[in-house]
């Protein structure tokens, strides 16, 4: 075998090796992208939203600033509660067609060991004023004029989880 043939064979083997490495890398990248599609990544301080046990989104109070603010006067203390409707927050991340009237929405605070449940029909009714108000520490509290959420003792302060489930 001549010197020319050995160099040609060496270059061919080198090209095959480079091609194999690039091919394997492309397959791994494609597999990685496929696995991460639809994956929700929460940032520190985000409130996660779960739909039937699956994490679908997360948000921070600053993410709500583009939503319309609503308010009502708390009848017990005469203070104005101002914030964003729970309904509008959920509709940012869940299609309306997915939400059924009987679905339960649990809003909870692990730091206060407190939670409240409303149905989608109750949250969707604007007359109930089921909403998030910004608390003094920059956290969210769930307030409403509904009997089960109309006093400070019933509000859920420092909200850190929302779960939407079929009953």
Protein backbone atom coordinates (compact mmCIF):
# COMPACT_ATOMS: atom_id res chain seq x y z
CA UNK A 1 0.00 0.00 0.00
CA UNK A 2 1.39 3.34 -0.98
CA UNK A 3 1.84 6.34 1.29
CA UNK A 4 -0.97 8.13 -0.60
CA UNK A 5 -3.46 5.33 0.08
CA UNK A 6 -2.61 5.21 3.81
CA UNK A 7 -3.15 8.99 4.17
CA UNK A 8 -6.44 8.75 2.27
CA UNK A 9 -7.59 5.86 4.48
CA UNK A 10 -6.61 7.80 7.63
CA UNK A 11 -8.56 10.89 6.50
CA UNK A 12 -11.58 8.71 5.66
CA UNK A 13 -11.50 7.07 9.11
CA UNK A 14 -11.16 10.48 10.76
CA UNK A 15 -14.20 11.79 8.82
CA UNK A 16 -16.24 8.72 9.80
CA UNK A 17 -15.32 9.21 13.46
CA UNK A 18 -16.26 12.92 13.39
CA UNK A 19 -19.54 12.07 11.62
CA UNK A 20 -20.39 9.44 14.25
CA UNK A 21 -19.70 11.86 17.13
CA UNK A 22 -21.82 14.61 15.52
CA UNK A 23 -24.64 12.13 14.80
CA UNK A 24 -24.74 10.85 18.38
CA UNK A 25 -24.70 14.44 19.70
CA UNK A 26 -27.61 15.39 17.43
CA UNK A 27 -29.63 12.38 18.64
CA UNK A 28 -29.00 13.24 22.29
CA UNK A 29 -30.03 16.85 21.76
CA UNK A 30 -33.23 15.82 19.98
CA UNK A 31 -34.09 13.38 22.76
CA UNK A 32 -33.38 16.02 25.42
CA UNK A 33 -35.62 18.59 23.70
CA UNK A 34 -38.38 16.01 23.32
CA UNK A 35 -38.25 15.16 27.04
CA UNK A 36 -38.35 18.80 28.15
CA UNK A 37 -41.30 19.93 25.99
CA UNK A 38 -44.11 21.12 28.26
CA UNK A 39 -41.91 20.97 31.35
CA UNK A 40 -42.67 23.76 33.80
CA UNK A 41 -39.72 25.33 35.57
CA UNK A 42 -40.59 27.30 38.70
CA UNK A 43 -38.53 30.24 39.86
CA UNK A 44 -37.99 30.97 43.55
CA UNK A 45 -41.12 32.43 45.11
CA UNK A 46 -43.46 31.18 42.37
CA UNK A 47 -46.92 29.88 43.22
CA UNK A 48 -47.35 26.54 41.41
CA UNK A 49 -50.64 25.64 39.75
CA UNK A 50 -51.52 21.94 39.55
CA UNK A 51 -54.26 20.49 37.35
CA UNK A 52 -55.33 17.00 38.42
CA UNK A 53 -51.97 16.47 40.13
CA UNK A 54 -49.82 17.67 37.23
CA UNK A 55 -47.80 20.88 37.47
CA UNK A 56 -49.04 23.12 34.64
CA UNK A 57 -47.71 26.55 35.55
CA UNK A 58 -46.33 28.87 38.15
CA UNK A 59 -46.57 32.60 38.69
CA UNK A 60 -45.38 35.40 40.92
CA UNK A 61 -47.37 38.44 42.02
CA UNK A 62 -45.39 40.59 39.57
CA UNK A 63 -46.68 38.39 36.72
CA UNK A 64 -50.22 39.59 37.47
CA UNK A 65 -49.62 43.30 36.95
CA UNK A 66 -51.03 43.24 33.42
CA UNK A 67 -54.35 41.77 34.62
CA UNK A 68 -57.26 44.03 35.48
CA UNK A 69 -57.37 44.92 39.17
CA UNK A 70 -60.62 44.61 41.10
CA UNK A 71 -61.58 45.64 44.61
CA UNK A 72 -64.24 45.43 47.27
CA UNK A 73 -64.63 46.84 50.76
CA UNK A 74 -64.25 44.26 53.51
CA UNK A 75 -67.55 44.52 55.44
CA UNK A 76 -66.04 43.40 58.77
CA UNK A 77 -63.28 46.03 58.93
CA UNK A 78 -64.25 48.46 56.19
CA UNK A 79 -60.88 48.08 54.45
CA UNK A 80 -60.50 47.95 50.70
CA UNK A 81 -59.21 44.63 49.34
CA UNK A 82 -57.67 45.10 45.90
CA UNK A 83 -56.10 42.57 43.60
CA UNK A 84 -56.70 40.07 40.83
CA UNK A 85 -59.53 37.58 40.39
CA UNK A 86 -58.53 33.96 40.94
CA UNK A 87 -60.50 33.22 37.77
CA UNK A 88 -58.29 35.50 35.67
CA UNK A 89 -55.09 34.04 37.14
CA UNK A 90 -56.20 30.48 36.31
CA UNK A 91 -57.29 31.44 32.80
CA UNK A 92 -53.76 32.68 32.09
CA UNK A 93 -52.56 29.09 32.38
CA UNK A 94 -55.55 26.76 31.89
CA UNK A 95 -57.98 26.80 28.96
CA UNK A 96 -61.54 27.75 29.91
CA UNK A 97 -62.81 24.65 28.09
CA UNK A 98 -60.81 22.48 30.53
CA UNK A 99 -62.47 24.02 33.60
CA UNK A 100 -65.84 22.52 34.56
CA UNK A 101 -68.28 24.12 37.03
CA UNK A 102 -67.82 21.37 39.64
CA UNK A 103 -64.02 21.35 39.61
CA UNK A 104 -62.49 22.11 43.00
CA UNK A 105 -59.85 24.79 43.38
CA UNK A 106 -57.75 24.46 46.52
CA UNK A 107 -55.65 27.45 47.48
CA UNK A 108 -53.23 26.77 50.30
CA UNK A 109 -50.45 28.18 52.43
CA UNK A 110 -47.95 25.71 53.84
CA UNK A 111 -46.41 28.29 56.18
CA UNK A 112 -49.78 28.95 57.80
CA UNK A 113 -51.16 25.39 57.44
CA UNK A 114 -54.30 26.85 55.93
CA UNK A 115 -56.32 26.25 52.79
CA UNK A 116 -59.63 27.09 51.20
CA UNK A 117 -61.67 25.39 48.52
CA UNK A 118 -63.99 26.90 45.97
CA UNK A 119 -65.54 25.42 42.87
CA UNK A 120 -64.78 26.76 39.43
CA UNK A 121 -68.40 28.02 39.27
CA UNK A 122 -67.83 30.07 42.46
CA UNK A 123 -64.49 31.44 41.25
CA UNK A 124 -65.91 32.25 37.82
CA UNK A 125 -68.79 34.27 39.32
CA UNK A 126 -67.41 37.81 39.64
CA UNK A 127 -70.05 38.67 42.24
CA UNK A 128 -68.16 36.42 44.69
CA UNK A 129 -64.97 38.51 44.40
CA UNK A 130 -62.75 35.44 44.82
CA UNK A 131 -59.43 37.22 44.40
CA UNK A 132 -55.82 37.55 45.38
CA UNK A 133 -54.83 40.63 47.32
CA UNK A 134 -51.22 41.62 47.76
CA UNK A 135 -50.29 41.36 51.45
CA UNK A 136 -47.90 43.76 53.14
CA UNK A 137 -44.93 41.39 52.76
CA UNK A 138 -45.46 41.05 49.01
CA UNK A 139 -47.18 37.67 49.26
CA UNK A 140 -50.66 36.84 48.05
CA UNK A 141 -53.74 36.28 50.17
CA UNK A 142 -57.01 34.79 48.97
CA UNK A 143 -60.02 36.89 49.93
CA UNK A 144 -63.71 36.93 48.97
CA UNK A 145 -67.16 38.11 49.98
CA UNK A 146 -68.43 34.50 50.03
CA UNK A 147 -69.56 33.24 53.45
CA UNK A 148 -66.68 30.75 53.66
CA UNK A 149 -64.04 33.41 52.89
CA UNK A 150 -65.53 36.70 54.07
CA UNK A 151 -63.53 37.25 57.26
CA UNK A 152 -59.85 37.72 58.01
CA UNK A 153 -59.80 34.41 59.93
CA UNK A 154 -60.95 32.55 56.81
CA UNK A 155 -58.59 34.20 54.32
CA UNK A 156 -55.60 32.22 53.10
CA UNK A 157 -52.51 34.37 53.57
CA UNK A 158 -49.07 33.62 52.09
CA UNK A 159 -50.53 31.49 49.28
CA UNK A 160 -47.95 29.04 47.94
CA UNK A 161 -49.99 26.42 46.04
CA UNK A 162 -53.08 26.14 43.84
CA UNK A 163 -54.61 22.80 42.93
CA UNK A 164 -57.46 22.34 40.46
CA UNK A 165 -59.07 18.88 40.55
CA UNK A 166 -62.10 17.01 39.33
CA UNK A 167 -64.26 15.96 42.28
